[in-house]
Amino acid sequence: MPIDILVVGHDGRRLFCLRLHARALWVALALMLITTVAAGIKTTAGRPQIHAAVAIPVDSTLREQPCEMLALVEQRLPALESEISALSEAQASIRKLFRVRQTIIETAERAETGGSEALLASQLDRLLMVIHAEAKNVRALEPFVAQAARALAGLPSRWPVRAAITSQFGQRLSPWSRTTEFHEGIDLAARPGTRVLAPSDGRVALVGNTPEYGNTVDLDHGNHIRTRFGHLERVTVAMGQQVERGQPIAISGNTGRTTGPHLHYEVIVRGRPVDPRPYLSE
């Protein structure tokens, strides 16, 4: 089993690291003992005496942390500091979005005196303080991220049916009067009998029939956002029912005033229709 011998100077700085196998170490100690006994006999006055070397046990901490491990930690510290700095910058951007105050990190200046082990310990202590402060900043962001996640979950981002858009939102030429009219939603070329899915979690706010859109259902998604589905063959949910994202709510058809089978789909924000396309992402 190899044994690491760490040689340090009087100021605590590491000079070099020596690794010996047990057999070689015992041979060296035996030779040292023989030399000491032979030369340690008192000689005539005035001649120098050879003092026996004293073996000092290696500290247990050094035995547990070989020289190579200490050197490896020193090499990896800059990369670790760089990653922590990048994490701090990313959190700063998120805090700016949510207007969350940052935890101030107060660390002592890095000492430039003492041995390499002392410097390494000082750097590790400083990194531990930084990581502790960044963890506190992350925990401070949790309620804001949770609130944002709930708001995003309420957005009608799922397509109610997978079909091409045959008529866009906004001004268009009326297929009946051939004059300009405002189209409050988009028309999707859904075949009759196609399942219509809830674009996000919500509550059924309206089930009815109108001359314009025929069988119709409205969903309330909270945050003043509603969706409307028209020209349905039938509605498969009840008034006041809670629905989940992707849940079937109706069957597409050709009821009301139409030029052919399709689904009329609207997004209504604070009582005003808006273009559904920016919301559709999946």
C-alpha atoms as a PDB file:
ATOM      1  CA  MET A   1       0.000   0.000   0.000  1.00  0.00           C
ATOM      2  CA  PRO A   2       1.615   3.340  -1.031  1.00  0.00           C
ATOM      3  CA  ILE A   3       2.179   6.012   1.612  1.00  0.00           C
ATOM      4  CA  ASP A   4       2.056   9.752   0.816  1.00  0.00           C
ATOM      5  CA  ILE A   5       4.592  11.968   2.559  1.00  0.00           C
ATOM      6  CA  LEU A   6       3.770  15.684   2.388  1.00  0.00           C
ATOM      7  CA  VAL A   7       6.792  17.947   2.957  1.00  0.00           C
ATOM      8  CA  VAL A   8       6.006  21.511   4.037  1.00  0.00           C
ATOM      9  CA  GLY A   9       8.246  24.488   4.832  1.00  0.00           C
ATOM     10  CA  HIS A  10       8.428  26.456   8.045  1.00  0.00           C
ATOM     11  CA  ASP A  11       5.778  28.874   6.682  1.00  0.00           C
ATOM     12  CA  GLY A  12       3.274  26.109   6.037  1.00  0.00           C
ATOM     13  CA  ARG A  13       3.648  26.061   2.220  1.00  0.00           C
ATOM     14  CA  ARG A  14       3.735  22.670   0.555  1.00  0.00           C
ATOM     15  CA  LEU A  15       7.175  22.013  -0.921  1.00  0.00           C
ATOM     16  CA  PHE A  16       6.656  18.645  -2.543  1.00  0.00           C
ATOM     17  CA  CYS A  17       4.800  15.396  -2.179  1.00  0.00           C
ATOM     18  CA  LEU A  18       6.573  12.039  -2.039  1.00  0.00           C
ATOM     19  CA  ARG A  19       4.842   8.688  -2.494  1.00  0.00           C
ATOM     20  CA  LEU A  20       6.652   5.572  -1.241  1.00  0.00           C
ATOM     21  CA  HIS A  21       5.600   1.965  -1.135  1.00  0.00           C
ATOM     22  CA  ALA A  22       5.664   0.318   2.267  1.00  0.00           C
ATOM     23  CA  ARG A  23       8.633  -1.937   1.439  1.00  0.00           C
ATOM     24  CA  ALA A  24      10.778   0.953   0.218  1.00  0.00           C
ATOM     25  CA  LEU A  25       9.887   2.984   3.304  1.00  0.00           C
ATOM     26  CA  TRP A  26      10.930   0.208   5.679  1.00  0.00           C
ATOM     27  CA  VAL A  27      14.257  -0.222   3.864  1.00  0.00           C
ATOM     28  CA  ALA A  28      14.919   3.544   4.100  1.00  0.00           C
ATOM     29  CA  LEU A  29      14.108   3.568   7.821  1.00  0.00           C
ATOM     30  CA  ALA A  30      16.383   0.572   8.456  1.00  0.00           C
ATOM     31  CA  LEU A  31      19.320   2.224   6.682  1.00  0.00           C
ATOM     32  CA  MET A  32      18.705   5.446   8.609  1.00  0.00           C
ATOM     33  CA  LEU A  33      18.689   3.543  11.906  1.00  0.00           C
ATOM     34  CA  ILE A  34      21.951   1.704  11.134  1.00  0.00           C
ATOM     35  CA  THR A  35      23.631   4.974  10.104  1.00  0.00           C
ATOM     36  CA  THR A  36      22.422   6.738  13.224  1.00  0.00           C
ATOM     37  CA  VAL A  37      23.647   3.996  15.575  1.00  0.00           C
ATOM     38  CA  ALA A  38      27.066   3.850  13.893  1.00  0.00           C
ATOM     39  CA  ALA A  39      27.592   7.598  13.808  1.00  0.00           C
ATOM     40  CA  GLY A  40      25.833   8.486  17.036  1.00  0.00           C
ATOM     41  CA  ILE A  41      28.609   7.214  19.334  1.00  0.00           C
ATOM     42  CA  LYS A  42      30.302  10.101  21.114  1.00  0.00           C
ATOM     43  CA  THR A  43      33.401  11.228  19.284  1.00  0.00           C
ATOM     44  CA  THR A  44      36.318  13.380  20.404  1.00  0.00           C
ATOM     45  CA  ALA A  45      35.583  16.898  21.620  1.00  0.00           C
ATOM     46  CA  GLY A  46      35.138  19.530  18.948  1.00  0.00           C
ATOM     47  CA  ARG A  47      33.903  17.126  16.308  1.00  0.00           C
ATOM     48  CA  PRO A  48      30.299  17.472  15.167  1.00  0.00           C
ATOM     49  CA  GLN A  49      27.838  14.907  16.309  1.00  0.00           C
ATOM     50  CA  ILE A  50      25.247  13.293  14.058  1.00  0.00           C
ATOM     51  CA  HIS A  51      21.790  13.498  15.565  1.00  0.00           C
ATOM     52  CA  ALA A  52      19.297  10.720  14.989  1.00  0.00           C
ATOM     53  CA  ALA A  53      16.263  11.547  12.843  1.00  0.00           C
ATOM     54  CA  VAL A  54      12.949  11.388  14.610  1.00  0.00           C
ATOM     55  CA  ALA A  55       9.962   9.933  12.725  1.00  0.00           C
ATOM     56  CA  ILE A  56       6.881  12.093  13.149  1.00  0.00           C
ATOM     57  CA  PRO A  57       3.515  10.419  12.509  1.00  0.00           C
ATOM     58  CA  VAL A  58       1.606  11.838   9.518  1.00  0.00           C
ATOM     59  CA  ASP A  59      -1.589  13.641  10.454  1.00  0.00           C
ATOM     60  CA  SER A  60      -4.716  11.584   9.777  1.00  0.00           C
ATOM     61  CA  THR A  61      -6.193  14.365   7.619  1.00  0.00           C
ATOM     62  CA  LEU A  62      -3.226  14.177   5.258  1.00  0.00           C
ATOM     63  CA  ARG A  63      -3.531  10.408   5.072  1.00  0.00           C
ATOM     64  CA  GLU A  64      -7.175  10.774   4.082  1.00  0.00           C
ATOM     65  CA  GLN A  65      -6.410  13.464   1.487  1.00  0.00           C
ATOM     66  CA  PRO A  66      -3.441  12.340  -0.628  1.00  0.00           C
ATOM     67  CA  CYS A  67      -1.340  14.892  -2.485  1.00  0.00           C
ATOM     68  CA  GLU A  68      -2.952  14.112  -5.807  1.00  0.00           C
ATOM     69  CA  MET A  69      -6.392  14.832  -4.381  1.00  0.00           C
ATOM     70  CA  LEU A  70      -5.313  18.219  -3.036  1.00  0.00           C
ATOM     71  CA  ALA A  71      -3.770  19.131  -6.373  1.00  0.00           C
ATOM     72  CA  LEU A  72      -6.932  18.015  -8.192  1.00  0.00           C
ATOM     73  CA  VAL A  73      -9.109  20.202  -5.958  1.00  0.00           C
ATOM     74  CA  GLU A  74      -6.848  23.187  -6.638  1.00  0.00           C
ATOM     75  CA  GLN A  75      -7.125  22.596 -10.392  1.00  0.00           C
ATOM     76  CA  ARG A  76     -10.914  22.313 -10.323  1.00  0.00           C
ATOM     77  CA  LEU A  77     -11.589  25.383  -8.167  1.00  0.00           C
ATOM     78  CA  PRO A  78     -11.485  27.937 -11.045  1.00  0.00           C
ATOM     79  CA  ALA A  79     -14.001  25.901 -13.065  1.00  0.00           C
ATOM     80  CA  LEU A  80     -16.250  25.570 -10.021  1.00  0.00           C
ATOM     81  CA  GLU A  81     -16.097  29.305  -9.373  1.00  0.00           C
ATOM     82  CA  SER A  82     -16.962  29.964 -13.033  1.00  0.00           C
ATOM     83  CA  GLU A  83     -20.037  27.690 -12.889  1.00  0.00           C
ATOM     84  CA  ILE A  84     -21.254  29.336  -9.680  1.00  0.00           C
ATOM     85  CA  SER A  85     -20.790  32.767 -11.287  1.00  0.00           C
ATOM     86  CA  ALA A  86     -22.854  31.694 -14.321  1.00  0.00           C
ATOM     87  CA  LEU A  87     -25.592  30.398 -11.997  1.00  0.00           C
ATOM     88  CA  SER A  88     -25.595  33.712 -10.147  1.00  0.00           C
ATOM     89  CA  GLU A  89     -25.988  35.653 -13.409  1.00  0.00           C
ATOM     90  CA  ALA A  90     -28.889  33.444 -14.514  1.00  0.00           C
ATOM     91  CA  GLN A  91     -30.642  33.922 -11.178  1.00  0.00           C
ATOM     92  CA  ALA A  92     -30.084  37.674 -11.398  1.00  0.00           C
ATOM     93  CA  SER A  93     -31.949  37.732 -14.733  1.00  0.00           C
ATOM     94  CA  ILE A  94     -34.866  35.767 -13.271  1.00  0.00           C
ATOM     95  CA  ARG A  95     -34.968  37.998 -10.182  1.00  0.00           C
ATOM     96  CA  LYS A  96     -35.098  41.033 -12.457  1.00  0.00           C
ATOM     97  CA  LEU A  97     -38.124  39.606 -14.281  1.00  0.00           C
ATOM     98  CA  PHE A  98     -39.989  38.941 -11.027  1.00  0.00           C
ATOM     99  CA  ARG A  99     -38.574  42.002  -9.240  1.00  0.00           C
ATOM    100  CA  VAL A 100     -37.257  39.917  -6.379  1.00  0.00           C
ATOM    101  CA  ARG A 101     -34.534  41.354  -4.167  1.00  0.00           C
ATOM    102  CA  GLN A 102     -31.211  39.572  -4.159  1.00  0.00           C
ATOM    103  CA  THR A 103     -29.500  38.172  -1.077  1.00  0.00           C
ATOM    104  CA  ILE A 104     -26.249  40.086  -0.638  1.00  0.00           C
ATOM    105  CA  ILE A 105     -23.218  37.806  -0.424  1.00  0.00           C
ATOM    106  CA  GLU A 106     -20.657  39.090   2.062  1.00  0.00           C
ATOM    107  CA  THR A 107     -17.351  37.261   1.969  1.00  0.00           C
ATOM    108  CA  ALA A 108     -13.970  38.100   3.441  1.00  0.00           C
ATOM    109  CA  GLU A 109     -11.088  38.954   1.171  1.00  0.00           C
ATOM    110  CA  ARG A 110      -9.030  35.957   0.174  1.00  0.00           C
ATOM    111  CA  ALA A 111      -5.918  35.613   2.309  1.00  0.00           C
ATOM    112  CA  GLU A 112      -2.618  35.645   0.416  1.00  0.00           C
ATOM    113  CA  THR A 113      -0.451  34.332   3.254  1.00  0.00           C
ATOM    114  CA  GLY A 114      -0.052  30.912   4.751  1.00  0.00           C
ATOM    115  CA  GLY A 115       0.450  27.506   3.214  1.00  0.00           C
ATOM    116  CA  SER A 116      -1.300  26.152   0.157  1.00  0.00           C
ATOM    117  CA  GLU A 117      -3.569  24.052   2.359  1.00  0.00           C
ATOM    118  CA  ALA A 118      -4.646  27.198   4.236  1.00  0.00           C
ATOM    119  CA  LEU A 119      -5.346  29.000   0.954  1.00  0.00           C
ATOM    120  CA  LEU A 120      -7.318  26.024  -0.334  1.00  0.00           C
ATOM    121  CA  ALA A 121      -9.398  25.897   2.848  1.00  0.00           C
ATOM    122  CA  SER A 122     -10.075  29.643   2.571  1.00  0.00           C
ATOM    123  CA  GLN A 123     -11.242  29.282  -1.041  1.00  0.00           C
ATOM    124  CA  LEU A 124     -13.520  26.360  -0.175  1.00  0.00           C
ATOM    125  CA  ASP A 125     -15.031  28.296   2.731  1.00  0.00           C
ATOM    126  CA  ARG A 126     -15.727  31.232   0.424  1.00  0.00           C
ATOM    127  CA  LEU A 127     -17.386  28.992  -2.179  1.00  0.00           C
ATOM    128  CA  LEU A 128     -19.531  27.415   0.530  1.00  0.00           C
ATOM    129  CA  MET A 129     -20.777  30.864   1.577  1.00  0.00           C
ATOM    130  CA  VAL A 130     -21.586  31.771  -2.036  1.00  0.00           C
ATOM    131  CA  ILE A 131     -23.468  28.505  -2.609  1.00  0.00           C
ATOM    132  CA  HIS A 132     -25.439  29.031   0.619  1.00  0.00           C
ATOM    133  CA  ALA A 133     -26.472  32.529  -0.485  1.00  0.00           C
ATOM    134  CA  GLU A 134     -27.431  31.354  -3.998  1.00  0.00           C
ATOM    135  CA  ALA A 135     -29.546  28.558  -2.514  1.00  0.00           C
ATOM    136  CA  LYS A 136     -31.360  31.187  -0.449  1.00  0.00           C
ATOM    137  CA  ASN A 137     -31.986  33.207  -3.615  1.00  0.00           C
ATOM    138  CA  VAL A 138     -33.424  30.144  -5.373  1.00  0.00           C
ATOM    139  CA  ARG A 139     -35.814  29.459  -2.497  1.00  0.00           C
ATOM    140  CA  ALA A 140     -36.947  33.098  -2.633  1.00  0.00           C
ATOM    141  CA  LEU A 141     -37.920  32.622  -6.291  1.00  0.00           C
ATOM    142  CA  GLU A 142     -40.078  29.529  -5.679  1.00  0.00           C
ATOM    143  CA  PRO A 143     -43.430  31.285  -4.999  1.00  0.00           C
ATOM    144  CA  PHE A 144     -42.994  33.595  -7.996  1.00  0.00           C
ATOM    145  CA  VAL A 145     -42.115  30.718 -10.337  1.00  0.00           C
ATOM    146  CA  ALA A 146     -45.085  28.724  -9.028  1.00  0.00           C
ATOM    147  CA  GLN A 147     -47.411  31.661  -9.681  1.00  0.00           C
ATOM    148  CA  ALA A 148     -46.014  32.068 -13.206  1.00  0.00           C
ATOM    149  CA  ALA A 149     -46.460  28.342 -13.842  1.00  0.00           C
ATOM    150  CA  ARG A 150     -50.121  28.539 -12.817  1.00  0.00           C
ATOM    151  CA  ALA A 151     -50.668  31.514 -15.123  1.00  0.00           C
ATOM    152  CA  LEU A 152     -49.020  29.694 -18.038  1.00  0.00           C
ATOM    153  CA  ALA A 153     -51.114  26.588 -17.368  1.00  0.00           C
ATOM    154  CA  GLY A 154     -54.250  28.729 -17.796  1.00  0.00           C
ATOM    155  CA  LEU A 155     -53.267  29.973 -21.253  1.00  0.00           C
ATOM    156  CA  PRO A 156     -55.154  28.254 -24.110  1.00  0.00           C
ATOM    157  CA  SER A 157     -52.026  27.038 -25.854  1.00  0.00           C
ATOM    158  CA  ARG A 158     -53.261  23.667 -27.148  1.00  0.00           C
ATOM    159  CA  TRP A 159     -54.953  23.367 -30.532  1.00  0.00           C
ATOM    160  CA  PRO A 160     -58.604  22.328 -30.058  1.00  0.00           C
ATOM    161  CA  VAL A 161     -58.361  20.227 -33.238  1.00  0.00           C
ATOM    162  CA  ARG A 162     -55.502  19.412 -35.573  1.00  0.00           C
ATOM    163  CA  ALA A 163     -56.648  21.036 -38.804  1.00  0.00           C
ATOM    164  CA  ALA A 164     -55.676  23.739 -41.270  1.00  0.00           C
ATOM    165  CA  ILE A 165     -56.840  27.327 -40.762  1.00  0.00           C
ATOM    166  CA  THR A 166     -59.301  28.211 -43.511  1.00  0.00           C
ATOM    167  CA  SER A 167     -60.205  31.714 -42.301  1.00  0.00           C
ATOM    168  CA  GLN A 168     -57.969  34.012 -40.251  1.00  0.00           C
ATOM    169  CA  PHE A 169     -58.758  36.399 -37.394  1.00  0.00           C
ATOM    170  CA  GLY A 170     -59.537  39.999 -38.343  1.00  0.00           C
ATOM    171  CA  GLN A 171     -60.912  41.741 -41.385  1.00  0.00           C
ATOM    172  CA  ARG A 172     -62.061  39.446 -44.188  1.00  0.00           C
ATOM    173  CA  LEU A 173     -64.410  39.338 -47.161  1.00  0.00           C
ATOM    174  CA  SER A 174     -67.784  37.975 -46.044  1.00  0.00           C
ATOM    175  CA  PRO A 175     -68.635  34.702 -47.843  1.00  0.00           C
ATOM    176  CA  TRP A 176     -72.296  35.770 -47.943  1.00  0.00           C
ATOM    177  CA  SER A 177     -72.484  39.508 -48.594  1.00  0.00           C
ATOM    178  CA  ARG A 178     -69.068  39.846 -50.314  1.00  0.00           C
ATOM    179  CA  THR A 179     -68.401  42.896 -48.155  1.00  0.00           C
ATOM    180  CA  THR A 180     -65.694  43.410 -45.524  1.00  0.00           C
ATOM    181  CA  GLU A 181     -66.469  42.082 -42.055  1.00  0.00           C
ATOM    182  CA  PHE A 182     -64.543  41.442 -38.854  1.00  0.00           C
ATOM    183  CA  HIS A 183     -63.966  37.767 -38.085  1.00  0.00           C
ATOM    184  CA  GLU A 184     -63.647  37.329 -34.306  1.00  0.00           C
ATOM    185  CA  GLY A 185     -61.863  33.966 -34.393  1.00  0.00           C
ATOM    186  CA  ILE A 186     -60.268  31.463 -36.727  1.00  0.00           C
ATOM    187  CA  ASP A 187     -61.946  28.693 -38.710  1.00  0.00           C
ATOM    188  CA  LEU A 188     -60.373  25.225 -38.578  1.00  0.00           C
ATOM    189  CA  ALA A 189     -61.152  22.685 -41.297  1.00  0.00           C
ATOM    190  CA  ALA A 190     -62.282  19.945 -38.913  1.00  0.00           C
ATOM    191  CA  ARG A 191     -64.239  17.046 -40.374  1.00  0.00           C
ATOM    192  CA  PRO A 192     -67.670  16.348 -38.850  1.00  0.00           C
ATOM    193  CA  GLY A 193     -67.328  14.012 -35.866  1.00  0.00           C
ATOM    194  CA  THR A 194     -63.862  15.264 -34.865  1.00  0.00           C
ATOM    195  CA  ARG A 195     -63.316  15.511 -31.111  1.00  0.00           C
ATOM    196  CA  VAL A 196     -62.797  19.083 -29.874  1.00  0.00           C
ATOM    197  CA  LEU A 197     -60.326  19.300 -26.974  1.00  0.00           C
ATOM    198  CA  ALA A 198     -60.000  21.860 -24.179  1.00  0.00           C
ATOM    199  CA  PRO A 199     -56.969  24.087 -24.906  1.00  0.00           C
ATOM    200  CA  SER A 200     -56.230  24.391 -21.157  1.00  0.00           C
ATOM    201  CA  ASP A 201     -57.809  23.788 -17.754  1.00  0.00           C
ATOM    202  CA  GLY A 202     -61.067  25.644 -17.239  1.00  0.00           C
ATOM    203  CA  ARG A 203     -64.747  25.661 -16.360  1.00  0.00           C
ATOM    204  CA  VAL A 204     -67.679  25.372 -18.749  1.00  0.00           C
ATOM    205  CA  ALA A 205     -69.173  28.883 -18.731  1.00  0.00           C
ATOM    206  CA  LEU A 206     -71.728  28.580 -21.550  1.00  0.00           C
ATOM    207  CA  VAL A 207     -73.577  25.844 -23.426  1.00  0.00           C
ATOM    208  CA  GLY A 208     -76.121  26.994 -25.980  1.00  0.00           C
ATOM    209  CA  ASN A 209     -77.231  27.491 -29.573  1.00  0.00           C
ATOM    210  CA  THR A 210     -77.129  30.697 -31.655  1.00  0.00           C
ATOM    211  CA  PRO A 211     -78.143  31.440 -35.268  1.00  0.00           C
ATOM    212  CA  GLU A 212     -74.561  32.496 -36.040  1.00  0.00           C
ATOM    213  CA  TYR A 213     -72.518  29.693 -34.478  1.00  0.00           C
ATOM    214  CA  GLY A 214     -75.074  26.943 -33.954  1.00  0.00           C
ATOM    215  CA  ASN A 215     -74.214  24.643 -31.051  1.00  0.00           C
ATOM    216  CA  THR A 216     -71.692  26.583 -28.968  1.00  0.00           C
ATOM    217  CA  VAL A 217     -69.625  26.077 -25.796  1.00  0.00           C
ATOM    218  CA  ASP A 218     -67.515  28.616 -23.863  1.00  0.00           C
ATOM    219  CA  LEU A 219     -64.747  27.786 -21.390  1.00  0.00           C
ATOM    220  CA  ASP A 220     -63.542  30.114 -18.636  1.00  0.00           C
ATOM    221  CA  HIS A 221     -59.796  29.634 -17.986  1.00  0.00           C
ATOM    222  CA  GLY A 222     -59.402  32.270 -15.283  1.00  0.00           C
ATOM    223  CA  ASN A 223     -57.350  35.468 -15.461  1.00  0.00           C
ATOM    224  CA  HIS A 224     -60.147  36.979 -17.637  1.00  0.00           C
ATOM    225  CA  ILE A 225     -59.493  34.493 -20.491  1.00  0.00           C
ATOM    226  CA  ARG A 226     -62.284  32.566 -22.240  1.00  0.00           C
ATOM    227  CA  THR A 227     -62.454  30.394 -25.341  1.00  0.00           C
ATOM    228  CA  ARG A 228     -65.433  29.814 -27.641  1.00  0.00           C
ATOM    229  CA  PHE A 229     -66.198  26.883 -29.944  1.00  0.00           C
ATOM    230  CA  GLY A 230     -68.903  27.100 -32.608  1.00  0.00           C
ATOM    231  CA  HIS A 231     -70.655  25.076 -35.354  1.00  0.00           C
ATOM    232  CA  LEU A 232     -70.552  21.962 -33.146  1.00  0.00           C
ATOM    233  CA  GLU A 233     -72.481  18.795 -33.804  1.00  0.00           C
ATOM    234  CA  ARG A 234     -72.968  18.390 -30.049  1.00  0.00           C
ATOM    235  CA  VAL A 235     -71.470  19.423 -26.720  1.00  0.00           C
ATOM    236  CA  THR A 236     -70.217  16.635 -24.435  1.00  0.00           C
ATOM    237  CA  VAL A 237     -69.754  18.640 -21.209  1.00  0.00           C
ATOM    238  CA  ALA A 238     -72.254  20.281 -18.849  1.00  0.00           C
ATOM    239  CA  MET A 239     -72.631  23.841 -17.641  1.00  0.00           C
ATOM    240  CA  GLY A 240     -70.292  24.582 -14.706  1.00  0.00           C
ATOM    241  CA  GLN A 241     -68.219  21.435 -15.225  1.00  0.00           C
ATOM    242  CA  GLN A 242     -64.453  21.612 -14.599  1.00  0.00           C
ATOM    243  CA  VAL A 243     -62.382  20.378 -17.539  1.00  0.00           C
ATOM    244  CA  GLU A 244     -58.702  19.584 -17.911  1.00  0.00           C
ATOM    245  CA  ARG A 245     -56.287  20.450 -20.669  1.00  0.00           C
ATOM    246  CA  GLY A 246     -56.764  18.068 -23.596  1.00  0.00           C
ATOM    247  CA  GLN A 247     -60.131  16.769 -22.367  1.00  0.00           C
ATOM    248  CA  PRO A 248     -62.806  16.266 -25.080  1.00  0.00           C
ATOM    249  CA  ILE A 249     -65.570  18.863 -24.718  1.00  0.00           C
ATOM    250  CA  ALA A 250     -67.528  18.578 -27.984  1.00  0.00           C
ATOM    251  CA  ILE A 251     -67.844  17.019 -31.439  1.00  0.00           C
ATOM    252  CA  SER A 252     -67.294  19.247 -34.468  1.00  0.00           C
ATOM    253  CA  GLY A 253     -70.094  19.624 -36.987  1.00  0.00           C
ATOM    254  CA  ASN A 254     -71.842  22.034 -39.351  1.00  0.00           C
ATOM    255  CA  THR A 255     -74.517  23.797 -37.292  1.00  0.00           C
ATOM    256  CA  GLY A 256     -75.380  27.480 -37.489  1.00  0.00           C
ATOM    257  CA  ARG A 257     -74.488  29.768 -40.376  1.00  0.00           C
ATOM    258  CA  THR A 258     -71.690  28.043 -42.321  1.00  0.00           C
ATOM    259  CA  THR A 259     -70.448  27.411 -45.840  1.00  0.00           C
ATOM    260  CA  GLY A 260     -69.345  23.908 -44.862  1.00  0.00           C
ATOM    261  CA  PRO A 261     -68.200  21.796 -41.912  1.00  0.00           C
ATOM    262  CA  HIS A 262     -65.561  23.471 -39.731  1.00  0.00           C
ATOM    263  CA  LEU A 263     -64.817  24.594 -36.177  1.00  0.00           C
ATOM    264  CA  HIS A 264     -65.044  28.271 -35.274  1.00  0.00           C
ATOM    265  CA  TYR A 265     -62.576  28.991 -32.464  1.00  0.00           C
ATOM    266  CA  GLU A 266     -62.198  32.220 -30.450  1.00  0.00           C
ATOM    267  CA  VAL A 267     -59.976  33.490 -27.631  1.00  0.00           C
ATOM    268  CA  ILE A 268     -61.602  36.273 -25.593  1.00  0.00           C
ATOM    269  CA  VAL A 269     -59.509  38.369 -23.159  1.00  0.00           C
ATOM    270  CA  ARG A 270     -61.344  40.753 -20.820  1.00  0.00           C
ATOM    271  CA  GLY A 271     -64.432  40.541 -23.017  1.00  0.00           C
ATOM    272  CA  ARG A 272     -62.665  41.317 -26.310  1.00  0.00           C
ATOM    273  CA  PRO A 273     -61.764  38.761 -29.004  1.00  0.00           C
ATOM    274  CA  VAL A 274     -58.051  38.446 -29.777  1.00  0.00           C
ATOM    275  CA  ASP A 275     -56.084  36.507 -32.368  1.00  0.00           C
ATOM    276  CA  PRO A 276     -55.842  32.875 -31.124  1.00  0.00           C
ATOM    277  CA  ARG A 277     -52.711  32.072 -33.145  1.00  0.00           C
ATOM    278  CA  PRO A 278     -50.124  33.606 -30.750  1.00  0.00           C
ATOM    279  CA  TYR A 279     -51.479  31.329 -28.000  1.00  0.00           C
ATOM    280  CA  LEU A 280     -51.325  28.105 -30.018  1.00  0.00           C
ATOM    281  CA  SER A 281     -48.031  26.338 -29.348  1.00  0.00           C
ATOM    282  CA  GLU A 282     -48.857  22.637 -29.113  1.00  0.00           C
END
